[in-house]
Every structure is written in C-alpha cells, then in structure tokens.
Amino acid sequence: MVLHRRREIVDSLRQRIARALATGSICAGDRLASTREMAHELSADPRVVSAAFRVLEAEGLVEIRARSGVYVRMEAAAARSSMVAPVETLTDVLTNAVMRGYSGPEFAARLNTLVAGRKLRTVVLATLSDQVLGIARELREDFGLDAVPLLVERMTSDAGRRMLKSANLIVTTERHRGTTKLLAEELGITRLTVSIRKDLFESEWALWRGEPVHIVVLDARFRSLIRKFLTYSGAEAAAARVHLATDDLSRIPGDAPTYVTQAARTHIGKGHVPGMMIPPTRLFAEDCVRELWRIIGSLNLGRARA
C-alpha cells in the first residue's frame, strides 16, 4: 500500500513539474512546496512524500537541499521541459497487458491505433466561454481529439447544426446532460458528460507555491461556479481567489500563482496580468478520463476492425 501510494505521488509530482517547466511557470532553481506542505495538501504521510522527492532527485529532476527545501535541478530544466512517459508507468501498463493475454508488440499496435488513429471530431457544448474553451483545450492536448467549442445558445444555428452533424462525439457539462442525450440520439453520435476532479484546488495548484491561487475568468457566472465548486469539493475558501478579466488585476501580487482561463486571456489580449503564471492543469476526474478513453478506443479500434 505504501509503495503504491508513493508511486502515485511520484507520478503526479513528475508530471506536474514537467508540465510547469514546459510552460515556463517554474524555472531551474525554483523552490517547490515543502515536503510538509505537500503532505498536507495530498493527505499523505510526510515520509511517503519525502521518499517520492528522493525518487525524483535520483532521476535528476529535483535537488533536495538539507534544511532548505526541494528545488528544480538546474541541469534538468532543458532536458525535462517536455513530459516523458515514466518507465514505471509504462512498465505497469505493459505488465498488465501481458498478464491479460496480449503480447507486447500486439498491445503496442492496438494502443497506437487507439491514441494515434483518426482525430475524432468532437463538439464541446456548454453555456460559458470559460467552460467550452477550457474543456476543448484539454481534449485536444491530452486526448488528441479535434475538439471545437460551441456555446449552447448557438447550437440551433445553421453553423451549430453543421458542426454537430459532422461530429463523432459530443462532450458537455452536467447541466446539459439531458439536452445532449436527446441530441446525440437524434444524430446517432456518442455523448460524454464531463466530471471535474474534486481535489483540484487542494493539491494540483498547491504544488508550486503553497498559497492561494488567483484565477482570472471572463464570465461572472463562471466565477460563481468556481466558488460553488470550492464548497462542494471541501476546499478551503482561501484556496482560490477568483477575478473577472474586467476587474483591476493589478491587485494580484506579482509573486502569486495565477491561472488565466483561455476565454479571459482572449479578452485581455496582450494586456499584462500580474502574478506567476501557472499552466493549465488536468480538470477531468479519473472516472471521466477512463470513460473518454473507452469511447475513443471503441470508435477507433472498432473502425480499425471494420
């Protein structure tokens, strides 16, 4: 159990640090949240978190300095600026596949068809620009889908109907589950309702700074949704401070971790947003990720067999 938990934490820290390096939100030599802070945020034993950091130090990603903290290793920044699938994770996947009766090459070929097959045309339906643009970004970057945003208010327009008729998949939010169910049945296409990670504010964004995250959004309704989500997820109210793109953003401290939604960034344009920018994080809950890969596999592998 302890080894499994340590492996989870190692993988999580490795991916987050690598993504932050890739986007420039942290740099070589930056100090990360302390072992005690991370243990609190991850609800883990500090000894397990400490062991996870030692694994990352052995990989050359971080440097542990006695009585000082954990730092991004200077020599690692350039080499680790893009995410590389960790050997341990691939080993687990391939071991599981072989134990289920696949050969390594056969499984690799099927995996390639699933992940790198045709780019499934995906329409993201939601009420707010902050939602559709954020979900579409994650679908493109993490799942390789040809994801396009469509506001619900525009789905009955000629352009909206054309987009939906050409889609392989509709992705939406809980609010529009019923509407999209009927729509997907009418068009004969697959539908997915996304679910969001409950631990987002308590662990993911606390990695780099261990202090409140400032979030800049475009729509006041999305700000209300975030505040409701904080309550629902059990996160402390101080875990995030939400601003509108139209607010006076100079109130954000220059060294504060800051996340700007894609919709807000489009509105602001080249305008300056204070704070230390943190990269987009994965929003989807594990059950949602699993169901999405199941759908992609069903559509791509099914087509390959046809």
C-alpha atoms as a PDB file:
ATOM      1  CA  MET A   1       0.000   0.000   0.000  1.00  0.00           C
ATOM      2  CA  VAL A   2       2.807   2.418   0.931  1.00  0.00           C
ATOM      3  CA  LEU A   3       4.717   1.591  -2.263  1.00  0.00           C
ATOM      4  CA  HIS A   4       1.578   2.082  -4.360  1.00  0.00           C
ATOM      5  CA  ARG A   5       0.883   5.458  -2.714  1.00  0.00           C
ATOM      6  CA  ARG A   6       4.499   6.549  -3.204  1.00  0.00           C
ATOM      7  CA  ARG A   7       4.320   5.604  -6.882  1.00  0.00           C
ATOM      8  CA  GLU A   8       1.117   7.653  -7.291  1.00  0.00           C
ATOM      9  CA  ILE A   9       2.751  10.682  -5.702  1.00  0.00           C
ATOM     10  CA  VAL A  10       5.949  10.273  -7.733  1.00  0.00           C
ATOM     11  CA  ASP A  11       3.977  10.138 -10.994  1.00  0.00           C
ATOM     12  CA  SER A  12       1.827  13.099 -10.013  1.00  0.00           C
ATOM     13  CA  LEU A  13       4.766  15.292  -8.970  1.00  0.00           C
ATOM     14  CA  ARG A  14       6.808  14.309 -12.011  1.00  0.00           C
ATOM     15  CA  GLN A  15       4.036  15.209 -14.446  1.00  0.00           C
ATOM     16  CA  ARG A  16       3.179  18.489 -12.760  1.00  0.00           C
ATOM     17  CA  ILE A  17       6.786  19.644 -12.535  1.00  0.00           C
ATOM     18  CA  ALA A  18       7.464  18.667 -16.155  1.00  0.00           C
ATOM     19  CA  ARG A  19       4.366  20.477 -17.372  1.00  0.00           C
ATOM     20  CA  ALA A  20       5.236  23.571 -15.343  1.00  0.00           C
ATOM     21  CA  LEU A  21       8.748  23.565 -16.815  1.00  0.00           C
ATOM     22  CA  ALA A  22       7.331  23.193 -20.317  1.00  0.00           C
ATOM     23  CA  THR A  23       5.079  26.224 -19.906  1.00  0.00           C
ATOM     24  CA  GLY A  24       7.625  28.335 -18.059  1.00  0.00           C
ATOM     25  CA  SER A  25       5.624  28.665 -14.850  1.00  0.00           C
ATOM     26  CA  ILE A  26       8.633  27.371 -12.918  1.00  0.00           C
ATOM     27  CA  CYS A  27      12.295  27.530 -13.841  1.00  0.00           C
ATOM     28  CA  ALA A  28      15.546  25.837 -12.943  1.00  0.00           C
ATOM     29  CA  GLY A  29      16.470  26.673  -9.368  1.00  0.00           C
ATOM     30  CA  ASP A  30      12.923  27.449  -8.204  1.00  0.00           C
ATOM     31  CA  ARG A  31      11.964  26.174  -4.768  1.00  0.00           C
ATOM     32  CA  LEU A  32       8.944  23.862  -4.683  1.00  0.00           C
ATOM     33  CA  ALA A  33       6.419  23.449  -1.898  1.00  0.00           C
ATOM     34  CA  SER A  34       7.957  21.768   1.132  1.00  0.00           C
ATOM     35  CA  THR A  35       7.521  18.109   1.988  1.00  0.00           C
ATOM     36  CA  ARG A  36       5.271  19.046   4.901  1.00  0.00           C
ATOM     37  CA  GLU A  37       3.127  21.334   2.715  1.00  0.00           C
ATOM     38  CA  MET A  38       2.759  18.687   0.027  1.00  0.00           C
ATOM     39  CA  ALA A  39       1.942  16.006   2.599  1.00  0.00           C
ATOM     40  CA  HIS A  40      -0.831  18.202   3.966  1.00  0.00           C
ATOM     41  CA  GLU A  41      -2.216  19.014   0.525  1.00  0.00           C
ATOM     42  CA  LEU A  42      -2.097  15.373  -0.638  1.00  0.00           C
ATOM     43  CA  SER A  43      -3.330  13.950   2.696  1.00  0.00           C
ATOM     44  CA  ALA A  44      -0.243  11.761   2.736  1.00  0.00           C
ATOM     45  CA  ASP A  45       2.393  10.732   5.257  1.00  0.00           C
ATOM     46  CA  PRO A  46       5.317  13.207   5.049  1.00  0.00           C
ATOM     47  CA  ARG A  47       7.682  10.235   4.923  1.00  0.00           C
ATOM     48  CA  VAL A  48       5.965   8.978   1.772  1.00  0.00           C
ATOM     49  CA  VAL A  49       6.201  12.407   0.131  1.00  0.00           C
ATOM     50  CA  SER A  50       9.839  12.673   1.180  1.00  0.00           C
ATOM     51  CA  ALA A  51      10.528   9.280  -0.394  1.00  0.00           C
ATOM     52  CA  ALA A  52       8.787  10.430  -3.590  1.00  0.00           C
ATOM     53  CA  PHE A  53      11.009  13.509  -3.775  1.00  0.00           C
ATOM     54  CA  ARG A  54      14.079  11.267  -3.328  1.00  0.00           C
ATOM     55  CA  VAL A  55      12.956   9.222  -6.352  1.00  0.00           C
ATOM     56  CA  LEU A  56      12.682  12.414  -8.399  1.00  0.00           C
ATOM     57  CA  GLU A  57      16.105  13.504  -7.149  1.00  0.00           C
ATOM     58  CA  ALA A  58      17.584  10.185  -8.320  1.00  0.00           C
ATOM     59  CA  GLU A  59      16.008  10.848 -11.731  1.00  0.00           C
ATOM     60  CA  GLY A  60      17.738  14.222 -11.842  1.00  0.00           C
ATOM     61  CA  LEU A  61      14.551  16.288 -11.809  1.00  0.00           C
ATOM     62  CA  VAL A  62      14.888  17.948  -8.400  1.00  0.00           C
ATOM     63  CA  GLU A  63      17.564  18.686  -5.828  1.00  0.00           C
ATOM     64  CA  ILE A  64      16.974  18.224  -2.106  1.00  0.00           C
ATOM     65  CA  ARG A  65      18.970  20.720  -0.057  1.00  0.00           C
ATOM     66  CA  ALA A  66      19.352  19.981   3.641  1.00  0.00           C
ATOM     67  CA  ARG A  67      17.424  22.433   5.854  1.00  0.00           C
ATOM     68  CA  SER A  68      16.487  24.433   2.767  1.00  0.00           C
ATOM     69  CA  GLY A  69      13.933  22.545   0.693  1.00  0.00           C
ATOM     70  CA  VAL A  70      13.326  20.921  -2.697  1.00  0.00           C
ATOM     71  CA  TYR A  71      14.423  22.770  -5.831  1.00  0.00           C
ATOM     72  CA  VAL A  72      14.124  22.240  -9.575  1.00  0.00           C
ATOM     73  CA  ARG A  73      17.517  20.961 -10.618  1.00  0.00           C
ATOM     74  CA  MET A  74      19.463  23.368 -12.814  1.00  0.00           C
ATOM     75  CA  GLU A  75      20.715  20.700 -15.223  1.00  0.00           C
ATOM     76  CA  ALA A  76      17.263  19.141 -15.581  1.00  0.00           C
ATOM     77  CA  ALA A  77      15.261  22.119 -16.841  1.00  0.00           C
ATOM     78  CA  ALA A  78      16.124  21.903 -20.528  1.00  0.00           C
ATOM     79  CA  ALA A  79      16.048  18.115 -20.696  1.00  0.00           C
ATOM     80  CA  ARG A  80      12.766  17.899 -18.783  1.00  0.00           C
ATOM     81  CA  SER A  81      10.918  20.735 -20.490  1.00  0.00           C
ATOM     82  CA  SER A  82       8.606  18.243 -22.206  1.00  0.00           C
ATOM     83  CA  MET A  83       6.735  15.421 -20.497  1.00  0.00           C
ATOM     84  CA  VAL A  84       8.238  11.984 -20.978  1.00  0.00           C
ATOM     85  CA  ALA A  85       6.234   8.893 -20.095  1.00  0.00           C
ATOM     86  CA  PRO A  86       7.881   7.459 -16.958  1.00  0.00           C
ATOM     87  CA  VAL A  87       9.304   3.969 -17.233  1.00  0.00           C
ATOM     88  CA  GLU A  88       7.457   2.766 -14.129  1.00  0.00           C
ATOM     89  CA  THR A  89       4.071   3.732 -15.586  1.00  0.00           C
ATOM     90  CA  LEU A  90       4.786   2.077 -18.936  1.00  0.00           C
ATOM     91  CA  THR A  91       6.065  -0.993 -17.127  1.00  0.00           C
ATOM     92  CA  ASP A  92       2.813  -1.267 -15.169  1.00  0.00           C
ATOM     93  CA  VAL A  93       0.707  -0.892 -18.322  1.00  0.00           C
ATOM     94  CA  LEU A  94       2.662  -3.472 -20.320  1.00  0.00           C
ATOM     95  CA  THR A  95       2.798  -5.925 -17.431  1.00  0.00           C
ATOM     96  CA  ASN A  96      -0.961  -5.679 -17.026  1.00  0.00           C
ATOM     97  CA  ALA A  97      -1.439  -6.194 -20.782  1.00  0.00           C
ATOM     98  CA  VAL A  98       0.783  -9.290 -20.905  1.00  0.00           C
ATOM     99  CA  MET A  99      -0.966 -10.775 -17.854  1.00  0.00           C
ATOM    100  CA  ARG A 100      -4.266 -10.330 -19.700  1.00  0.00           C
ATOM    101  CA  GLY A 101      -3.004 -12.338 -22.644  1.00  0.00           C
ATOM    102  CA  TYR A 102      -1.580  -9.736 -25.060  1.00  0.00           C
ATOM    103  CA  SER A 103       1.938  -9.816 -26.424  1.00  0.00           C
ATOM    104  CA  GLY A 104       3.939  -6.609 -26.023  1.00  0.00           C
ATOM    105  CA  PRO A 105       4.037  -5.806 -29.770  1.00  0.00           C
ATOM    106  CA  GLU A 106       0.343  -6.639 -30.244  1.00  0.00           C
ATOM    107  CA  PHE A 107      -0.663  -4.395 -27.344  1.00  0.00           C
ATOM    108  CA  ALA A 108       1.590  -1.573 -28.575  1.00  0.00           C
ATOM    109  CA  ALA A 109      -0.019  -1.762 -32.035  1.00  0.00           C
ATOM    110  CA  ARG A 110      -3.517  -1.584 -30.551  1.00  0.00           C
ATOM    111  CA  LEU A 111      -2.506   1.286 -28.283  1.00  0.00           C
ATOM    112  CA  ASN A 112      -1.098   3.191 -31.249  1.00  0.00           C
ATOM    113  CA  THR A 113      -4.378   2.719 -33.146  1.00  0.00           C
ATOM    114  CA  LEU A 114      -6.328   3.958 -30.137  1.00  0.00           C
ATOM    115  CA  VAL A 115      -4.214   7.020 -29.389  1.00  0.00           C
ATOM    116  CA  ALA A 116      -2.855   7.968 -32.815  1.00  0.00           C
ATOM    117  CA  GLY A 117      -5.729   6.834 -35.018  1.00  0.00           C
ATOM    118  CA  ARG A 118      -8.102   9.232 -36.703  1.00  0.00           C
ATOM    119  CA  LYS A 119      -8.664  12.525 -34.895  1.00  0.00           C
ATOM    120  CA  LEU A 120     -12.231  12.234 -33.710  1.00  0.00           C
ATOM    121  CA  ARG A 121     -14.293  15.335 -34.403  1.00  0.00           C
ATOM    122  CA  THR A 122     -15.573  16.456 -31.004  1.00  0.00           C
ATOM    123  CA  VAL A 123     -18.025  19.270 -30.267  1.00  0.00           C
ATOM    124  CA  VAL A 124     -17.862  20.757 -26.767  1.00  0.00           C
ATOM    125  CA  LEU A 125     -21.248  22.108 -25.661  1.00  0.00           C
ATOM    126  CA  ALA A 126     -21.600  24.358 -22.602  1.00  0.00           C
ATOM    127  CA  THR A 127     -23.130  27.644 -21.512  1.00  0.00           C
ATOM    128  CA  LEU A 128     -19.998  29.704 -20.867  1.00  0.00           C
ATOM    129  CA  SER A 129     -16.917  30.527 -22.938  1.00  0.00           C
ATOM    130  CA  ASP A 130     -14.659  29.748 -19.954  1.00  0.00           C
ATOM    131  CA  GLN A 131     -16.102  26.220 -19.961  1.00  0.00           C
ATOM    132  CA  VAL A 132     -16.111  25.351 -23.657  1.00  0.00           C
ATOM    133  CA  LEU A 133     -12.633  26.709 -24.344  1.00  0.00           C
ATOM    134  CA  GLY A 134     -11.087  25.039 -21.279  1.00  0.00           C
ATOM    135  CA  ILE A 135     -12.668  21.652 -21.972  1.00  0.00           C
ATOM    136  CA  ALA A 136     -11.780  21.811 -25.681  1.00  0.00           C
ATOM    137  CA  ARG A 137      -8.144  22.582 -24.801  1.00  0.00           C
ATOM    138  CA  GLU A 138      -7.875  19.541 -22.536  1.00  0.00           C
ATOM    139  CA  LEU A 139      -9.487  17.281 -25.133  1.00  0.00           C
ATOM    140  CA  ARG A 140      -7.003  18.435 -27.778  1.00  0.00           C
ATOM    141  CA  GLU A 141      -3.848  18.401 -25.651  1.00  0.00           C
ATOM    142  CA  ASP A 142      -4.388  15.295 -23.509  1.00  0.00           C
ATOM    143  CA  PHE A 143      -6.521  13.100 -25.762  1.00  0.00           C
ATOM    144  CA  GLY A 144      -5.592  14.171 -29.301  1.00  0.00           C
ATOM    145  CA  LEU A 145      -9.185  14.979 -30.261  1.00  0.00           C
ATOM    146  CA  ASP A 146     -10.228  17.503 -32.887  1.00  0.00           C
ATOM    147  CA  ALA A 147     -12.241  19.445 -30.312  1.00  0.00           C
ATOM    148  CA  VAL A 148     -14.204  22.581 -31.212  1.00  0.00           C
ATOM    149  CA  PRO A 149     -16.181  24.758 -28.781  1.00  0.00           C
ATOM    150  CA  LEU A 150     -19.876  25.512 -29.289  1.00  0.00           C
ATOM    151  CA  LEU A 151     -21.980  27.612 -26.912  1.00  0.00           C
ATOM    152  CA  VAL A 152     -25.380  26.089 -26.200  1.00  0.00           C
ATOM    153  CA  GLU A 153     -27.125  29.272 -27.311  1.00  0.00           C
ATOM    154  CA  ARG A 154     -25.672  28.753 -30.799  1.00  0.00           C
ATOM    155  CA  MET A 155     -26.275  25.041 -31.259  1.00  0.00           C
ATOM    156  CA  THR A 156     -29.541  25.532 -33.167  1.00  0.00           C
ATOM    157  CA  SER A 157     -27.967  27.968 -35.616  1.00  0.00           C
ATOM    158  CA  ASP A 158     -27.087  26.744 -39.126  1.00  0.00           C
ATOM    159  CA  ALA A 159     -23.385  26.742 -38.268  1.00  0.00           C
ATOM    160  CA  GLY A 160     -24.058  24.927 -34.995  1.00  0.00           C
ATOM    161  CA  ARG A 161     -26.129  22.241 -36.671  1.00  0.00           C
ATOM    162  CA  ARG A 162     -23.423  21.674 -39.288  1.00  0.00           C
ATOM    163  CA  MET A 163     -20.810  21.276 -36.564  1.00  0.00           C
ATOM    164  CA  LEU A 164     -22.946  18.761 -34.690  1.00  0.00           C
ATOM    165  CA  LYS A 165     -23.818  16.714 -37.770  1.00  0.00           C
ATOM    166  CA  SER A 166     -20.130  16.295 -38.628  1.00  0.00           C
ATOM    167  CA  ALA A 167     -19.153  15.268 -35.088  1.00  0.00           C
ATOM    168  CA  ASN A 168     -18.119  11.825 -33.829  1.00  0.00           C
ATOM    169  CA  LEU A 169     -18.559  12.837 -30.202  1.00  0.00           C
ATOM    170  CA  ILE A 170     -20.391  15.451 -28.103  1.00  0.00           C
ATOM    171  CA  VAL A 171     -18.835  16.465 -24.781  1.00  0.00           C
ATOM    172  CA  THR A 172     -20.854  18.558 -22.363  1.00  0.00           C
ATOM    173  CA  THR A 173     -21.344  19.553 -18.720  1.00  0.00           C
ATOM    174  CA  GLU A 174     -23.752  18.123 -16.156  1.00  0.00           C
ATOM    175  CA  ARG A 175     -26.185  20.995 -16.715  1.00  0.00           C
ATOM    176  CA  HIS A 176     -26.800  19.912 -20.312  1.00  0.00           C
ATOM    177  CA  ARG A 177     -26.815  16.144 -19.803  1.00  0.00           C
ATOM    178  CA  GLY A 178     -30.496  15.772 -20.704  1.00  0.00           C
ATOM    179  CA  THR A 179     -30.428  18.069 -23.728  1.00  0.00           C
ATOM    180  CA  THR A 180     -27.365  16.442 -25.251  1.00  0.00           C
ATOM    181  CA  LYS A 181     -28.716  12.938 -24.602  1.00  0.00           C
ATOM    182  CA  LEU A 182     -31.679  13.650 -26.868  1.00  0.00           C
ATOM    183  CA  LEU A 183     -29.462  15.443 -29.373  1.00  0.00           C
ATOM    184  CA  ALA A 184     -26.942  12.597 -29.538  1.00  0.00           C
ATOM    185  CA  GLU A 185     -29.736  10.049 -30.022  1.00  0.00           C
ATOM    186  CA  GLU A 186     -31.223  12.159 -32.820  1.00  0.00           C
ATOM    187  CA  LEU A 187     -27.871  12.458 -34.620  1.00  0.00           C
ATOM    188  CA  GLY A 188     -26.678   8.933 -33.833  1.00  0.00           C
ATOM    189  CA  ILE A 189     -23.414  10.003 -32.201  1.00  0.00           C
ATOM    190  CA  THR A 190     -21.706   9.325 -28.871  1.00  0.00           C
ATOM    191  CA  ARG A 191     -22.017  11.673 -25.895  1.00  0.00           C
ATOM    192  CA  LEU A 192     -19.962  12.239 -22.737  1.00  0.00           C
ATOM    193  CA  THR A 193     -20.746  14.365 -19.680  1.00  0.00           C
ATOM    194  CA  VAL A 194     -17.524  15.540 -18.043  1.00  0.00           C
ATOM    195  CA  SER A 195     -16.867  15.339 -14.310  1.00  0.00           C
ATOM    196  CA  ILE A 196     -14.242  17.504 -12.613  1.00  0.00           C
ATOM    197  CA  ARG A 197     -11.601  16.443 -10.082  1.00  0.00           C
ATOM    198  CA  LYS A 198     -12.633  17.269  -6.532  1.00  0.00           C
ATOM    199  CA  ASP A 199      -9.005  17.653  -5.376  1.00  0.00           C
ATOM    200  CA  LEU A 200      -8.072  20.289  -7.950  1.00  0.00           C
ATOM    201  CA  PHE A 201      -7.631  23.249  -5.608  1.00  0.00           C
ATOM    202  CA  GLU A 202      -6.273  21.281  -2.677  1.00  0.00           C
ATOM    203  CA  SER A 203      -3.401  19.512  -4.415  1.00  0.00           C
ATOM    204  CA  GLU A 204      -2.687  20.387  -8.025  1.00  0.00           C
ATOM    205  CA  TRP A 205      -2.190  24.132  -7.804  1.00  0.00           C
ATOM    206  CA  ALA A 206      -0.639  23.968  -4.357  1.00  0.00           C
ATOM    207  CA  LEU A 207       2.401  22.184  -5.775  1.00  0.00           C
ATOM    208  CA  TRP A 208       4.378  25.239  -6.780  1.00  0.00           C
ATOM    209  CA  ARG A 209       3.654  27.850  -4.159  1.00  0.00           C
ATOM    210  CA  GLY A 210       1.652  26.517  -1.227  1.00  0.00           C
ATOM    211  CA  GLU A 211      -0.507  29.657  -1.191  1.00  0.00           C
ATOM    212  CA  PRO A 212      -3.870  30.773  -2.657  1.00  0.00           C
ATOM    213  CA  VAL A 213      -4.198  30.591  -6.421  1.00  0.00           C
ATOM    214  CA  HIS A 214      -5.562  33.641  -8.229  1.00  0.00           C
ATOM    215  CA  ILE A 215      -7.898  32.672 -11.062  1.00  0.00           C
ATOM    216  CA  VAL A 216      -8.916  35.107 -13.797  1.00  0.00           C
ATOM    217  CA  VAL A 217     -12.114  34.247 -15.686  1.00  0.00           C
ATOM    218  CA  LEU A 218     -14.232  36.004 -18.291  1.00  0.00           C
ATOM    219  CA  ASP A 219     -17.785  35.392 -17.109  1.00  0.00           C
ATOM    220  CA  ALA A 220     -19.182  36.256 -13.673  1.00  0.00           C
ATOM    221  CA  ARG A 221     -21.331  33.119 -13.863  1.00  0.00           C
ATOM    222  CA  PHE A 222     -18.176  31.021 -14.131  1.00  0.00           C
ATOM    223  CA  ARG A 223     -16.774  32.782 -11.067  1.00  0.00           C
ATOM    224  CA  SER A 224     -19.911  31.702  -9.181  1.00  0.00           C
ATOM    225  CA  LEU A 225     -19.474  28.129 -10.421  1.00  0.00           C
ATOM    226  CA  ILE A 226     -15.892  28.043  -9.144  1.00  0.00           C
ATOM    227  CA  ARG A 227     -16.962  29.294  -5.728  1.00  0.00           C
ATOM    228  CA  LYS A 228     -19.690  26.652  -5.557  1.00  0.00           C
ATOM    229  CA  PHE A 229     -17.183  24.008  -6.626  1.00  0.00           C
ATOM    230  CA  LEU A 230     -14.835  25.021  -3.824  1.00  0.00           C
ATOM    231  CA  THR A 231     -17.624  24.423  -1.319  1.00  0.00           C
ATOM    232  CA  TYR A 232     -18.636  21.148  -2.977  1.00  0.00           C
ATOM    233  CA  SER A 233     -15.072  19.800  -3.057  1.00  0.00           C
ATOM    234  CA  GLY A 234     -14.440  20.651   0.582  1.00  0.00           C
ATOM    235  CA  ALA A 235     -11.563  23.002  -0.245  1.00  0.00           C
ATOM    236  CA  GLU A 236     -10.918  25.982   1.975  1.00  0.00           C
ATOM    237  CA  ALA A 237     -12.426  29.229   0.722  1.00  0.00           C
ATOM    238  CA  ALA A 238      -8.957  30.777   0.708  1.00  0.00           C
ATOM    239  CA  ALA A 239      -7.646  28.110  -1.691  1.00  0.00           C
ATOM    240  CA  ALA A 240      -8.541  30.325  -4.664  1.00  0.00           C
ATOM    241  CA  ARG A 241      -9.316  33.971  -5.295  1.00  0.00           C
ATOM    242  CA  VAL A 242     -11.367  34.500  -8.426  1.00  0.00           C
ATOM    243  CA  HIS A 243     -11.175  37.673 -10.517  1.00  0.00           C
ATOM    244  CA  LEU A 244     -13.003  38.771 -13.648  1.00  0.00           C
ATOM    245  CA  ALA A 245     -10.962  39.746 -16.697  1.00  0.00           C
ATOM    246  CA  THR A 246     -12.645  43.156 -16.451  1.00  0.00           C
ATOM    247  CA  ASP A 247     -11.510  43.699 -12.828  1.00  0.00           C
ATOM    248  CA  ASP A 248      -8.488  45.720 -11.744  1.00  0.00           C
ATOM    249  CA  LEU A 249      -5.986  42.871 -11.966  1.00  0.00           C
ATOM    250  CA  SER A 250      -3.165  44.976 -10.530  1.00  0.00           C
ATOM    251  CA  ARG A 251      -4.399  43.776  -7.125  1.00  0.00           C
ATOM    252  CA  ILE A 252      -2.914  40.352  -7.826  1.00  0.00           C
ATOM    253  CA  PRO A 253       0.524  40.151  -6.119  1.00  0.00           C
ATOM    254  CA  GLY A 254       3.435  39.886  -8.521  1.00  0.00           C
ATOM    255  CA  ASP A 255       4.669  36.606  -6.994  1.00  0.00           C
ATOM    256  CA  ALA A 256       1.255  34.955  -6.562  1.00  0.00           C
ATOM    257  CA  PRO A 257       0.417  31.783  -8.523  1.00  0.00           C
ATOM    258  CA  THR A 258      -2.080  32.893 -11.157  1.00  0.00           C
ATOM    259  CA  TYR A 259      -4.194  30.984 -13.647  1.00  0.00           C
ATOM    260  CA  VAL A 260      -5.954  32.720 -16.545  1.00  0.00           C
ATOM    261  CA  THR A 261      -8.671  30.859 -18.436  1.00  0.00           C
ATOM    262  CA  GLN A 262      -8.356  30.794 -22.194  1.00  0.00           C
ATOM    263  CA  ALA A 263     -11.521  32.874 -22.563  1.00  0.00           C
ATOM    264  CA  ALA A 264     -10.158  35.513 -20.188  1.00  0.00           C
ATOM    265  CA  ARG A 265      -6.790  35.553 -21.977  1.00  0.00           C
ATOM    266  CA  THR A 266      -8.518  36.086 -25.328  1.00  0.00           C
ATOM    267  CA  HIS A 267     -10.445  39.014 -23.845  1.00  0.00           C
ATOM    268  CA  ILE A 268      -7.374  40.572 -22.227  1.00  0.00           C
ATOM    269  CA  GLY A 269      -5.271  40.119 -25.355  1.00  0.00           C
ATOM    270  CA  LYS A 270      -1.779  41.480 -24.926  1.00  0.00           C
ATOM    271  CA  GLY A 271      -2.652  43.165 -21.641  1.00  0.00           C
ATOM    272  CA  HIS A 272      -0.439  42.366 -18.667  1.00  0.00           C
ATOM    273  CA  VAL A 273      -1.671  40.046 -15.927  1.00  0.00           C
ATOM    274  CA  PRO A 274       0.435  40.138 -12.733  1.00  0.00           C
ATOM    275  CA  GLY A 275       1.494  37.040 -10.860  1.00  0.00           C
ATOM    276  CA  MET A 276       3.465  33.910 -11.631  1.00  0.00           C
ATOM    277  CA  MET A 277       1.542  32.169 -14.396  1.00  0.00           C
ATOM    278  CA  ILE A 278       0.755  28.518 -13.759  1.00  0.00           C
ATOM    279  CA  PRO A 279      -0.062  26.190 -16.642  1.00  0.00           C
ATOM    280  CA  PRO A 280      -3.441  24.679 -17.444  1.00  0.00           C
ATOM    281  CA  THR A 281      -3.989  21.633 -15.301  1.00  0.00           C
ATOM    282  CA  ARG A 282      -5.992  18.499 -15.935  1.00  0.00           C
ATOM    283  CA  LEU A 283      -9.585  19.140 -14.948  1.00  0.00           C
ATOM    284  CA  PHE A 284     -11.242  15.799 -15.661  1.00  0.00           C
ATOM    285  CA  ALA A 285     -11.859  13.318 -12.854  1.00  0.00           C
ATOM    286  CA  GLU A 286     -10.380   9.824 -13.184  1.00  0.00           C
ATOM    287  CA  ASP A 287     -13.732   8.197 -13.996  1.00  0.00           C
ATOM    288  CA  CYS A 288     -14.245  10.750 -16.764  1.00  0.00           C
ATOM    289  CA  VAL A 289     -10.766  10.109 -18.192  1.00  0.00           C
ATOM    290  CA  ARG A 290     -11.389   6.369 -18.171  1.00  0.00           C
ATOM    291  CA  GLU A 291     -14.759   6.709 -19.891  1.00  0.00           C
ATOM    292  CA  LEU A 292     -13.304   9.060 -22.501  1.00  0.00           C
ATOM    293  CA  TRP A 293     -10.518   6.625 -23.385  1.00  0.00           C
ATOM    294  CA  ARG A 294     -13.111   3.839 -23.550  1.00  0.00           C
ATOM    295  CA  ILE A 295     -15.121   5.885 -26.049  1.00  0.00           C
ATOM    296  CA  ILE A 296     -12.039   6.766 -28.124  1.00  0.00           C
ATOM    297  CA  GLY A 297     -10.972   3.128 -28.118  1.00  0.00           C
ATOM    298  CA  SER A 298     -14.420   1.923 -29.104  1.00  0.00           C
ATOM    299  CA  LEU A 299     -14.606   4.354 -32.017  1.00  0.00           C
ATOM    300  CA  ASN A 300     -11.033   3.969 -33.272  1.00  0.00           C
ATOM    301  CA  LEU A 301     -10.444   0.267 -32.623  1.00  0.00           C
ATOM    302  CA  GLY A 302     -13.921  -0.580 -33.864  1.00  0.00           C
ATOM    303  CA  ARG A 303     -13.220   1.292 -37.094  1.00  0.00           C
ATOM    304  CA  ALA A 304      -9.846  -0.493 -37.447  1.00  0.00           C
ATOM    305  CA  ARG A 305     -11.566  -3.903 -37.235  1.00  0.00           C
ATOM    306  CA  ALA A 306     -14.262  -2.907 -39.751  1.00  0.00           C
END
